[in-house]
C-alpha atoms as a PDB file:
ATOM      1  CA  MET A   1      28.878 -23.059  28.462  1.00  0.00           C
ATOM      2  CA  THR A   2      26.004 -24.815  26.715  1.00  0.00           C
ATOM      3  CA  VAL A   3      23.520 -23.027  24.525  1.00  0.00           C
ATOM      4  CA  GLU A   4      19.868 -24.089  24.782  1.00  0.00           C
ATOM      5  CA  SER A   5      17.942 -24.307  21.464  1.00  0.00           C
ATOM      6  CA  THR A   6      14.872 -22.185  21.251  1.00  0.00           C
ATOM      7  CA  GLU A   7      13.820 -24.173  18.121  1.00  0.00           C
ATOM      8  CA  THR A   8      13.372 -20.869  16.389  1.00  0.00           C
ATOM      9  CA  VAL A   9      14.395 -20.842  12.803  1.00  0.00           C
ATOM     10  CA  TYR A  10      15.346 -17.511  11.243  1.00  0.00           C
ATOM     11  CA  PHE A  11      15.036 -17.057   7.486  1.00  0.00           C
ATOM     12  CA  HIS A  12      16.385 -13.991   5.694  1.00  0.00           C
ATOM     13  CA  LEU A  13      15.163 -13.421   2.156  1.00  0.00           C
ATOM     14  CA  ASP A  14      17.670 -11.981  -0.243  1.00  0.00           C
ATOM     15  CA  PRO A  15      15.581 -10.048  -2.835  1.00  0.00           C
ATOM     16  CA  SER A  16      18.325 -10.266  -5.393  1.00  0.00           C
ATOM     17  CA  ASN A  17      18.474 -14.050  -5.044  1.00  0.00           C
ATOM     18  CA  PRO A  18      14.910 -15.318  -4.369  1.00  0.00           C
ATOM     19  CA  PRO A  19      14.356 -19.013  -3.576  1.00  0.00           C
ATOM     20  CA  THR A  20      13.160 -21.226  -6.424  1.00  0.00           C
ATOM     21  CA  MET A  21      10.252 -23.607  -6.252  1.00  0.00           C
ATOM     22  CA  THR A  22      10.537 -27.173  -7.383  1.00  0.00           C
ATOM     23  CA  GLU A  23       8.253 -28.358 -10.110  1.00  0.00           C
ATOM     24  CA  ALA A  24       6.214 -30.348  -7.619  1.00  0.00           C
ATOM     25  CA  GLU A  25       5.768 -27.148  -5.509  1.00  0.00           C
ATOM     26  CA  MET A  26       4.786 -25.143  -8.583  1.00  0.00           C
ATOM     27  CA  GLN A  27       2.201 -27.817  -9.628  1.00  0.00           C
ATOM     28  CA  ALA A  28       0.781 -27.827  -6.084  1.00  0.00           C
ATOM     29  CA  PHE A  29       0.530 -24.040  -6.231  1.00  0.00           C
ATOM     30  CA  ARG A  30      -1.239 -24.167  -9.658  1.00  0.00           C
ATOM     31  CA  ASP A  31      -3.681 -26.817  -8.323  1.00  0.00           C
ATOM     32  CA  LEU A  32      -4.548 -24.771  -5.225  1.00  0.00           C
ATOM     33  CA  ARG A  33      -8.150 -23.629  -5.286  1.00  0.00           C
ATOM     34  CA  ASP A  34      -9.380 -20.402  -3.636  1.00  0.00           C
ATOM     35  CA  GLU A  35     -11.485 -22.451  -1.280  1.00  0.00           C
ATOM     36  CA  ASP A  36      -8.456 -24.247  -0.003  1.00  0.00           C
ATOM     37  CA  ILE A  37      -6.702 -21.056   1.260  1.00  0.00           C
ATOM     38  CA  ASP A  38      -6.971 -20.533   5.010  1.00  0.00           C
ATOM     39  CA  LEU A  39      -8.025 -16.925   5.654  1.00  0.00           C
ATOM     40  CA  SER A  40      -8.898 -17.427   9.335  1.00  0.00           C
ATOM     41  CA  ASP A  41      -6.061 -15.248  10.600  1.00  0.00           C
ATOM     42  CA  ILE A  42      -7.178 -12.233   8.457  1.00  0.00           C
ATOM     43  CA  PRO A  43      -9.725  -9.900  10.056  1.00  0.00           C
ATOM     44  CA  GLU A  44     -13.016  -9.396   8.328  1.00  0.00           C
ATOM     45  CA  GLN A  45     -13.065  -6.295   6.066  1.00  0.00           C
ATOM     46  CA  THR A  46     -15.887  -3.923   6.925  1.00  0.00           C
ATOM     47  CA  GLY A  47     -16.796  -0.808   4.996  1.00  0.00           C
ATOM     48  CA  GLY A  48     -14.105   1.643   4.162  1.00  0.00           C
ATOM     49  CA  GLY A  49     -12.819   0.652   0.779  1.00  0.00           C
ATOM     50  CA  TRP A  50     -10.914   2.739  -1.701  1.00  0.00           C
ATOM     51  CA  ARG A  51     -12.571   5.590  -3.527  1.00  0.00           C
ATOM     52  CA  ARG A  52     -11.452   7.615  -6.501  1.00  0.00           C
ATOM     53  CA  VAL A  53     -10.023  10.994  -5.473  1.00  0.00           C
ATOM     54  CA  SER A  54     -12.444  12.705  -7.883  1.00  0.00           C
ATOM     55  CA  GLU A  55     -15.347  11.396  -5.707  1.00  0.00           C
ATOM     56  CA  LEU A  56     -14.027  13.371  -2.702  1.00  0.00           C
ATOM     57  CA  VAL A  57     -14.361  16.877  -4.024  1.00  0.00           C
ATOM     58  CA  PRO A  58     -16.574  18.011  -6.945  1.00  0.00           C
ATOM     59  CA  ALA A  59     -14.736  19.428  -9.936  1.00  0.00           C
ATOM     60  CA  GLU A  60     -16.630  22.724  -9.809  1.00  0.00           C
ATOM     61  CA  ASN A  61     -14.968  23.423  -6.429  1.00  0.00           C
ATOM     62  CA  LYS A  62     -11.479  23.485  -7.921  1.00  0.00           C
ATOM     63  CA  ARG A  63      -9.506  26.611  -8.804  1.00  0.00           C
ATOM     64  CA  GLN A  64      -6.478  26.873 -11.029  1.00  0.00           C
ATOM     65  CA  ILE A  65      -3.477  28.569  -9.258  1.00  0.00           C
ATOM     66  CA  THR A  66       0.325  28.854  -9.601  1.00  0.00           C
ATOM     67  CA  LEU A  67       2.126  27.055  -6.839  1.00  0.00           C
ATOM     68  CA  ARG A  68       5.858  26.582  -6.185  1.00  0.00           C
ATOM     69  CA  LEU A  69       6.796  23.301  -4.738  1.00  0.00           C
ATOM     70  CA  ASP A  70      10.076  21.594  -4.036  1.00  0.00           C
ATOM     71  CA  ALA A  71      11.277  19.461  -6.995  1.00  0.00           C
ATOM     72  CA  ASP A  72      11.445  16.254  -4.954  1.00  0.00           C
ATOM     73  CA  VAL A  73       7.755  16.651  -3.799  1.00  0.00           C
ATOM     74  CA  ILE A  74       6.643  17.049  -7.371  1.00  0.00           C
ATOM     75  CA  GLU A  75       8.714  14.073  -8.604  1.00  0.00           C
ATOM     76  CA  PHE A  76       7.361  11.885  -5.758  1.00  0.00           C
ATOM     77  CA  PHE A  77       3.712  12.549  -6.766  1.00  0.00           C
ATOM     78  CA  ARG A  78       4.455  12.323 -10.528  1.00  0.00           C
ATOM     79  CA  ALA A  79       5.987   8.892  -9.921  1.00  0.00           C
ATOM     80  CA  THR A  80       2.670   7.683  -8.602  1.00  0.00           C
ATOM     81  CA  GLY A  81       1.132   7.998 -12.077  1.00  0.00           C
ATOM     82  CA  ARG A  82      -1.655   9.859 -13.766  1.00  0.00           C
ATOM     83  CA  ARG A  83      -3.804  12.255 -11.718  1.00  0.00           C
ATOM     84  CA  TYR A  84      -0.950  13.042  -9.355  1.00  0.00           C
ATOM     85  CA  GLN A  85      -2.258  16.555  -8.858  1.00  0.00           C
ATOM     86  CA  SER A  86      -5.490  15.111  -7.453  1.00  0.00           C
ATOM     87  CA  ARG A  87      -3.417  12.993  -5.065  1.00  0.00           C
ATOM     88  CA  MET A  88      -1.513  16.165  -3.967  1.00  0.00           C
ATOM     89  CA  ASN A  89      -4.855  17.818  -3.369  1.00  0.00           C
ATOM     90  CA  ALA A  90      -6.068  14.818  -1.297  1.00  0.00           C
ATOM     91  CA  ALA A  91      -2.815  14.989   0.743  1.00  0.00           C
ATOM     92  CA  LEU A  92      -3.407  18.673   1.504  1.00  0.00           C
ATOM     93  CA  ARG A  93      -7.043  17.945   2.425  1.00  0.00           C
ATOM     94  CA  GLU A  94      -5.878  15.298   4.893  1.00  0.00           C
ATOM     95  CA  TYR A  95      -3.510  17.841   6.429  1.00  0.00           C
ATOM     96  CA  ILE A  96      -6.464  20.270   6.798  1.00  0.00           C
ATOM     97  CA  ASN A  97      -8.646  17.607   8.453  1.00  0.00           C
ATOM     98  CA  ALA A  98      -5.844  16.654  10.887  1.00  0.00           C
ATOM     99  CA  GLN A  99      -5.425  20.341  11.799  1.00  0.00           C
ATOM    100  CA  LYS A 100      -9.154  20.753  12.412  1.00  0.00           C
ATOM    101  CA  LYS A 101      -9.159  17.757  14.709  1.00  0.00           C
ATOM    102  CA  ALA A 102      -6.186  19.044  16.660  1.00  0.00           C
ATOM    103  CA  VAL A 103      -8.016  22.245  17.530  1.00  0.00           C
END
């Protein structure tokens, strides 16, 4: 039985052993100007954008409470860096908004 070639090449990247660039490839990369990069396959960005969590809810609206959470939940948010409690608040707010839309 013969196997027809699909001319598809599969490449699997091993993160522990990344490919190295030759000096010529590195120099070509260094010489590359922003204007030379083809962005035609990327959709235009409109509006949206990232905002600081503190912009979403005014500080005077916040209350201090005692809350028991699973250790892994706390560690997940703490691992995201400073202001992790604000991100927890934003996640809860997203849940509230999703519940309101579902009703």
